[in-house]
Amino acid sequence: MALFSTAYFPCIGYMAQAMKADVFCVELFETYHKQTYRNRCKVMTANGVQIMSVPVIKTFGNHTMTKDITISYIEHWQQIHRRCLESGYKATPYFDHYFPFISPIFEDHFATLIELNEAALKSVFSMLKTEKEIVYTTDYDKNAADDLRNAFSPKAAPEAASFPPYYKTFEERFPFAPNLSILDLIFNEGPGSMDYLMSL
């Protein structure tokens, strides 16, 4: 069993490990970490790499567990994220085919971050044509054997050599950006995305 943090449209490295895990388990009982992939992802736009962040509320302050993190709708983040993806990926080869898989996420009202991320992840599984099951922890295990809860961070620069380049819409303007959101791979590579993940 591989143990992961929850993630919003996870990065490619996260998804590669998730696809290879015999059991894909998501942590619920950790103290929530801010400024991580738990509530954000990186995508490519005409202005370069951008971060899409979901505004969250720590119901119990700094001691709030991930399972209790709720979503704020004071700002229209869903509309912002939709527009960001449309402007960044509309010209990609597979956007029109795959965007309908995720468009409901920008219309539905999710109470918790876990609910949102589960919906996002299930849409990704559908696009990848995999039936990977999501299992959740029932308590916190600090000595988990295959612990990937903090293995992926938007603050850490990915090793470019670990992520072979693939075609991107804005590649004439910006150098290849490795390990962006899985959406970047799917919109650009389409059916070839799973082969790419399994090669990492």
C-alpha atoms as a PDB file:
ATOM      1  CA  MET A   1       0.000   0.000   0.000  1.00  0.00           C
ATOM      2  CA  ALA A   2       1.288   3.439  -0.989  1.00  0.00           C
ATOM      3  CA  LEU A   3       0.199   6.348   1.198  1.00  0.00           C
ATOM      4  CA  PHE A   4      -0.438   9.723  -0.470  1.00  0.00           C
ATOM      5  CA  SER A   5      -1.641  13.144   0.596  1.00  0.00           C
ATOM      6  CA  THR A   6      -4.828  14.371  -1.012  1.00  0.00           C
ATOM      7  CA  ALA A   7      -4.158  16.480  -4.114  1.00  0.00           C
ATOM      8  CA  TYR A   8      -6.025  18.813  -6.457  1.00  0.00           C
ATOM      9  CA  PHE A   9      -5.490  17.611 -10.047  1.00  0.00           C
ATOM     10  CA  PRO A  10      -2.193  16.017  -8.952  1.00  0.00           C
ATOM     11  CA  CYS A  11       1.194  16.592 -10.521  1.00  0.00           C
ATOM     12  CA  ILE A  12       2.491  14.067 -13.034  1.00  0.00           C
ATOM     13  CA  GLY A  13       4.977  12.522 -10.582  1.00  0.00           C
ATOM     14  CA  TYR A  14       2.174  11.899  -8.086  1.00  0.00           C
ATOM     15  CA  MET A  15       0.010  10.254 -10.741  1.00  0.00           C
ATOM     16  CA  ALA A  16       2.867   8.068 -11.977  1.00  0.00           C
ATOM     17  CA  GLN A  17       3.337   6.656  -8.488  1.00  0.00           C
ATOM     18  CA  ALA A  18      -0.417   6.334  -7.962  1.00  0.00           C
ATOM     19  CA  MET A  19      -0.802   4.282 -11.146  1.00  0.00           C
ATOM     20  CA  LYS A  20       1.952   1.897 -10.051  1.00  0.00           C
ATOM     21  CA  ALA A  21       0.694   1.441  -6.475  1.00  0.00           C
ATOM     22  CA  ASP A  22      -0.997  -1.865  -5.715  1.00  0.00           C
ATOM     23  CA  VAL A  23      -3.203  -0.007  -3.206  1.00  0.00           C
ATOM     24  CA  PHE A  24      -3.690   3.750  -3.555  1.00  0.00           C
ATOM     25  CA  CYS A  25      -4.394   5.197  -0.097  1.00  0.00           C
ATOM     26  CA  VAL A  26      -5.071   8.851   0.764  1.00  0.00           C
ATOM     27  CA  GLU A  27      -4.302  10.318   4.187  1.00  0.00           C
ATOM     28  CA  LEU A  28      -7.197  11.918   6.090  1.00  0.00           C
ATOM     29  CA  PHE A  29      -5.814  12.244   9.609  1.00  0.00           C
ATOM     30  CA  GLU A  30      -2.698  14.364   9.146  1.00  0.00           C
ATOM     31  CA  THR A  31      -2.604  17.958  10.370  1.00  0.00           C
ATOM     32  CA  TYR A  32      -3.256  19.966   7.230  1.00  0.00           C
ATOM     33  CA  HIS A  33      -0.199  21.385   5.457  1.00  0.00           C
ATOM     34  CA  LYS A  34      -0.615  24.716   3.690  1.00  0.00           C
ATOM     35  CA  GLN A  35       0.957  25.758   0.375  1.00  0.00           C
ATOM     36  CA  THR A  36       1.121  22.203  -0.948  1.00  0.00           C
ATOM     37  CA  TYR A  37      -0.460  20.262  -3.790  1.00  0.00           C
ATOM     38  CA  ARG A  38      -3.285  19.385  -1.395  1.00  0.00           C
ATOM     39  CA  ASN A  39      -5.220  22.411  -2.613  1.00  0.00           C
ATOM     40  CA  ARG A  40      -3.301  23.639  -5.649  1.00  0.00           C
ATOM     41  CA  CYS A  41      -1.798  22.606  -8.958  1.00  0.00           C
ATOM     42  CA  LYS A  42       0.514  24.072 -11.570  1.00  0.00           C
ATOM     43  CA  VAL A  43      -0.616  24.557 -15.159  1.00  0.00           C
ATOM     44  CA  MET A  44       0.827  26.176 -18.279  1.00  0.00           C
ATOM     45  CA  THR A  45      -0.706  29.359 -19.683  1.00  0.00           C
ATOM     46  CA  ALA A  46       0.184  31.976 -22.272  1.00  0.00           C
ATOM     47  CA  ASN A  47       1.979  33.782 -19.431  1.00  0.00           C
ATOM     48  CA  GLY A  48       3.958  30.756 -18.325  1.00  0.00           C
ATOM     49  CA  VAL A  49       3.422  28.402 -15.402  1.00  0.00           C
ATOM     50  CA  GLN A  50       0.556  29.461 -13.146  1.00  0.00           C
ATOM     51  CA  ILE A  51      -0.710  28.095  -9.827  1.00  0.00           C
ATOM     52  CA  MET A  52      -4.409  27.374  -9.451  1.00  0.00           C
ATOM     53  CA  SER A  53      -5.237  27.391  -5.739  1.00  0.00           C
ATOM     54  CA  VAL A  54      -8.447  26.382  -3.978  1.00  0.00           C
ATOM     55  CA  PRO A  55      -9.207  28.691  -1.016  1.00  0.00           C
ATOM     56  CA  VAL A  56      -9.723  26.612   2.113  1.00  0.00           C
ATOM     57  CA  ILE A  57     -10.850  27.095   5.692  1.00  0.00           C
ATOM     58  CA  LYS A  58      -9.117  25.487   8.653  1.00  0.00           C
ATOM     59  CA  THR A  59     -12.187  24.684  10.714  1.00  0.00           C
ATOM     60  CA  PHE A  60     -10.128  24.053  13.854  1.00  0.00           C
ATOM     61  CA  GLY A  61      -7.244  26.432  13.230  1.00  0.00           C
ATOM     62  CA  ASN A  62      -3.718  25.103  12.788  1.00  0.00           C
ATOM     63  CA  HIS A  63      -4.689  21.758  14.295  1.00  0.00           C
ATOM     64  CA  THR A  64      -7.274  20.999  11.620  1.00  0.00           C
ATOM     65  CA  MET A  65      -7.013  17.548  10.083  1.00  0.00           C
ATOM     66  CA  THR A  66      -7.120  17.222   6.318  1.00  0.00           C
ATOM     67  CA  LYS A  67     -10.493  15.492   6.480  1.00  0.00           C
ATOM     68  CA  ASP A  68     -11.987  18.595   8.155  1.00  0.00           C
ATOM     69  CA  ILE A  69     -10.684  21.206   5.722  1.00  0.00           C
ATOM     70  CA  THR A  70     -13.592  23.018   4.083  1.00  0.00           C
ATOM     71  CA  ILE A  71     -13.708  25.132   0.934  1.00  0.00           C
ATOM     72  CA  SER A  72     -14.323  28.869   0.799  1.00  0.00           C
ATOM     73  CA  TYR A  73     -16.536  30.286  -1.939  1.00  0.00           C
ATOM     74  CA  ILE A  74     -16.077  33.951  -1.060  1.00  0.00           C
ATOM     75  CA  GLU A  75     -14.038  34.318  -4.224  1.00  0.00           C
ATOM     76  CA  HIS A  76     -15.176  32.717  -7.472  1.00  0.00           C
ATOM     77  CA  TRP A  77     -12.242  30.315  -7.712  1.00  0.00           C
ATOM     78  CA  GLN A  78     -14.114  27.788  -9.860  1.00  0.00           C
ATOM     79  CA  GLN A  79     -14.747  30.382 -12.537  1.00  0.00           C
ATOM     80  CA  ILE A  80     -11.122  31.508 -12.325  1.00  0.00           C
ATOM     81  CA  HIS A  81      -9.810  27.955 -12.671  1.00  0.00           C
ATOM     82  CA  ARG A  82     -12.103  27.173 -15.590  1.00  0.00           C
ATOM     83  CA  ARG A  83     -10.988  30.289 -17.450  1.00  0.00           C
ATOM     84  CA  CYS A  84      -7.341  29.551 -16.692  1.00  0.00           C
ATOM     85  CA  LEU A  85      -7.620  26.060 -18.164  1.00  0.00           C
ATOM     86  CA  GLU A  86      -9.585  27.227 -21.175  1.00  0.00           C
ATOM     87  CA  SER A  87      -7.117  30.000 -21.995  1.00  0.00           C
ATOM     88  CA  GLY A  88      -4.116  27.774 -21.371  1.00  0.00           C
ATOM     89  CA  TYR A  89      -5.230  24.588 -23.087  1.00  0.00           C
ATOM     90  CA  LYS A  90      -7.980  25.390 -25.590  1.00  0.00           C
ATOM     91  CA  ALA A  91      -5.483  25.047 -28.440  1.00  0.00           C
ATOM     92  CA  THR A  92      -4.080  21.700 -27.256  1.00  0.00           C
ATOM     93  CA  PRO A  93      -4.864  18.607 -29.340  1.00  0.00           C
ATOM     94  CA  TYR A  94      -7.116  16.922 -26.766  1.00  0.00           C
ATOM     95  CA  PHE A  95      -8.735  19.735 -24.799  1.00  0.00           C
ATOM     96  CA  ASP A  96     -12.149  19.523 -26.459  1.00  0.00           C
ATOM     97  CA  HIS A  97     -12.289  15.771 -25.934  1.00  0.00           C
ATOM     98  CA  TYR A  98     -11.251  15.697 -22.277  1.00  0.00           C
ATOM     99  CA  PHE A  99     -12.485  18.965 -20.775  1.00  0.00           C
ATOM    100  CA  PRO A 100     -16.089  17.681 -20.432  1.00  0.00           C
ATOM    101  CA  PHE A 101     -14.742  15.105 -17.955  1.00  0.00           C
ATOM    102  CA  ILE A 102     -13.752  17.858 -15.530  1.00  0.00           C
ATOM    103  CA  SER A 103     -16.133  20.734 -16.324  1.00  0.00           C
ATOM    104  CA  PRO A 104     -18.734  19.609 -13.689  1.00  0.00           C
ATOM    105  CA  ILE A 105     -16.103  20.197 -10.996  1.00  0.00           C
ATOM    106  CA  PHE A 106     -16.279  23.922 -11.739  1.00  0.00           C
ATOM    107  CA  GLU A 107     -20.048  23.928 -11.335  1.00  0.00           C
ATOM    108  CA  ASP A 108     -20.702  21.671  -8.328  1.00  0.00           C
ATOM    109  CA  HIS A 109     -20.516  22.858  -4.721  1.00  0.00           C
ATOM    110  CA  PHE A 110     -18.127  20.773  -2.631  1.00  0.00           C
ATOM    111  CA  ALA A 111     -18.201  21.189   1.141  1.00  0.00           C
ATOM    112  CA  THR A 112     -14.754  19.750   1.879  1.00  0.00           C
ATOM    113  CA  LEU A 113     -11.397  19.623   0.128  1.00  0.00           C
ATOM    114  CA  ILE A 114     -11.480  15.829   0.280  1.00  0.00           C
ATOM    115  CA  GLU A 115     -14.770  15.760  -1.622  1.00  0.00           C
ATOM    116  CA  LEU A 116     -13.434  18.120  -4.282  1.00  0.00           C
ATOM    117  CA  ASN A 117     -10.174  16.238  -4.714  1.00  0.00           C
ATOM    118  CA  GLU A 118     -11.931  12.881  -4.911  1.00  0.00           C
ATOM    119  CA  ALA A 119     -14.128  14.199  -7.710  1.00  0.00           C
ATOM    120  CA  ALA A 120     -11.084  15.643  -9.491  1.00  0.00           C
ATOM    121  CA  LEU A 121      -9.140  12.397  -9.120  1.00  0.00           C
ATOM    122  CA  LYS A 122     -12.010  10.243 -10.329  1.00  0.00           C
ATOM    123  CA  SER A 123     -12.333  12.436 -13.411  1.00  0.00           C
ATOM    124  CA  VAL A 124      -8.614  11.939 -14.057  1.00  0.00           C
ATOM    125  CA  PHE A 125      -8.991   8.174 -13.684  1.00  0.00           C
ATOM    126  CA  SER A 126     -11.829   8.283 -16.214  1.00  0.00           C
ATOM    127  CA  MET A 127      -9.704  10.233 -18.687  1.00  0.00           C
ATOM    128  CA  LEU A 128      -6.879   7.725 -18.231  1.00  0.00           C
ATOM    129  CA  LYS A 129      -9.347   4.843 -18.586  1.00  0.00           C
ATOM    130  CA  THR A 130      -8.301   3.231 -15.332  1.00  0.00           C
ATOM    131  CA  GLU A 131     -10.476   1.896 -12.530  1.00  0.00           C
ATOM    132  CA  LYS A 132      -8.027   2.611  -9.725  1.00  0.00           C
ATOM    133  CA  GLU A 133      -9.791   2.548  -6.361  1.00  0.00           C
ATOM    134  CA  ILE A 134      -9.271   5.317  -3.792  1.00  0.00           C
ATOM    135  CA  VAL A 135      -8.802   4.034  -0.232  1.00  0.00           C
ATOM    136  CA  TYR A 136      -8.693   6.356   2.784  1.00  0.00           C
ATOM    137  CA  THR A 137      -6.854   6.035   6.084  1.00  0.00           C
ATOM    138  CA  THR A 138      -8.782   5.356   9.279  1.00  0.00           C
ATOM    139  CA  ASP A 139      -6.123   6.837  11.598  1.00  0.00           C
ATOM    140  CA  TYR A 140      -2.661   8.392  11.378  1.00  0.00           C
ATOM    141  CA  ASP A 141       0.285   6.029  10.922  1.00  0.00           C
ATOM    142  CA  LYS A 142       3.575   7.882  11.340  1.00  0.00           C
ATOM    143  CA  ASN A 143       5.548   4.771  10.394  1.00  0.00           C
ATOM    144  CA  ALA A 144       3.840   3.909   7.108  1.00  0.00           C
ATOM    145  CA  ALA A 145       6.089   1.740   4.930  1.00  0.00           C
ATOM    146  CA  ASP A 146       5.514   3.340   1.508  1.00  0.00           C
ATOM    147  CA  ASP A 147       4.996   6.919   2.684  1.00  0.00           C
ATOM    148  CA  LEU A 148       4.549   9.432  -0.142  1.00  0.00           C
ATOM    149  CA  ARG A 149       2.513  11.963   1.837  1.00  0.00           C
ATOM    150  CA  ASN A 150       5.187  14.650   1.528  1.00  0.00           C
ATOM    151  CA  ALA A 151       7.013  13.380  -1.539  1.00  0.00           C
ATOM    152  CA  PHE A 152       5.595  16.018  -3.890  1.00  0.00           C
ATOM    153  CA  SER A 153       5.834  19.743  -3.273  1.00  0.00           C
ATOM    154  CA  PRO A 154       5.161  22.815  -5.464  1.00  0.00           C
ATOM    155  CA  LYS A 155       8.118  24.468  -3.703  1.00  0.00           C
ATOM    156  CA  ALA A 156      10.624  21.836  -4.865  1.00  0.00           C
ATOM    157  CA  ALA A 157      12.066  22.148  -8.355  1.00  0.00           C
ATOM    158  CA  PRO A 158      11.505  18.833 -10.195  1.00  0.00           C
ATOM    159  CA  GLU A 159      14.443  17.052 -11.779  1.00  0.00           C
ATOM    160  CA  ALA A 160      13.916  17.747 -15.469  1.00  0.00           C
ATOM    161  CA  ALA A 161      15.774  14.565 -16.428  1.00  0.00           C
ATOM    162  CA  SER A 162      13.086  12.531 -14.663  1.00  0.00           C
ATOM    163  CA  PHE A 163      10.358  13.867 -16.955  1.00  0.00           C
ATOM    164  CA  PRO A 164      10.944  13.391 -20.710  1.00  0.00           C
ATOM    165  CA  PRO A 165       9.659  16.349 -22.749  1.00  0.00           C
ATOM    166  CA  TYR A 166       6.390  16.092 -24.657  1.00  0.00           C
ATOM    167  CA  TYR A 167       4.841  18.621 -27.026  1.00  0.00           C
ATOM    168  CA  LYS A 168       3.226  21.661 -25.391  1.00  0.00           C
ATOM    169  CA  THR A 169       1.229  24.466 -26.975  1.00  0.00           C
ATOM    170  CA  PHE A 170       3.458  27.269 -25.689  1.00  0.00           C
ATOM    171  CA  GLU A 171       6.779  25.515 -26.150  1.00  0.00           C
ATOM    172  CA  GLU A 172       7.981  28.189 -28.579  1.00  0.00           C
ATOM    173  CA  ARG A 173       7.672  30.776 -25.774  1.00  0.00           C
ATOM    174  CA  PHE A 174       8.711  28.862 -22.682  1.00  0.00           C
ATOM    175  CA  PRO A 175      11.127  26.010 -21.946  1.00  0.00           C
ATOM    176  CA  PHE A 176       9.595  22.635 -21.158  1.00  0.00           C
ATOM    177  CA  ALA A 177       8.124  22.712 -17.643  1.00  0.00           C
ATOM    178  CA  PRO A 178       8.266  19.242 -16.060  1.00  0.00           C
ATOM    179  CA  ASN A 179       5.853  17.746 -13.552  1.00  0.00           C
ATOM    180  CA  LEU A 180       2.926  20.096 -13.994  1.00  0.00           C
ATOM    181  CA  SER A 181      -0.644  19.014 -13.243  1.00  0.00           C
ATOM    182  CA  ILE A 182      -1.751  15.763 -14.838  1.00  0.00           C
ATOM    183  CA  LEU A 183      -4.137  17.924 -16.872  1.00  0.00           C
ATOM    184  CA  ASP A 184      -1.181  19.369 -18.779  1.00  0.00           C
ATOM    185  CA  LEU A 185      -0.147  15.889 -19.871  1.00  0.00           C
ATOM    186  CA  ILE A 186      -3.666  14.732 -20.740  1.00  0.00           C
ATOM    187  CA  PHE A 187      -4.613  17.804 -22.778  1.00  0.00           C
ATOM    188  CA  ASN A 188      -1.358  17.599 -24.746  1.00  0.00           C
ATOM    189  CA  GLU A 189      -0.828  13.849 -25.046  1.00  0.00           C
ATOM    190  CA  GLY A 190      -4.334  12.416 -24.774  1.00  0.00           C
ATOM    191  CA  PRO A 191      -4.411   8.596 -25.066  1.00  0.00           C
ATOM    192  CA  GLY A 192      -0.619   8.489 -24.764  1.00  0.00           C
ATOM    193  CA  SER A 193      -0.747   9.852 -21.203  1.00  0.00           C
ATOM    194  CA  MET A 194      -0.897   6.481 -19.475  1.00  0.00           C
ATOM    195  CA  ASP A 195       2.136   5.185 -21.382  1.00  0.00           C
ATOM    196  CA  TYR A 196       4.026   8.310 -20.343  1.00  0.00           C
ATOM    197  CA  LEU A 197       3.103   7.817 -16.678  1.00  0.00           C
ATOM    198  CA  MET A 198       4.108   4.174 -16.684  1.00  0.00           C
ATOM    199  CA  SER A 199       7.481   5.048 -18.227  1.00  0.00           C
ATOM    200  CA  LEU A 200       8.485   7.283 -15.296  1.00  0.00           C
END
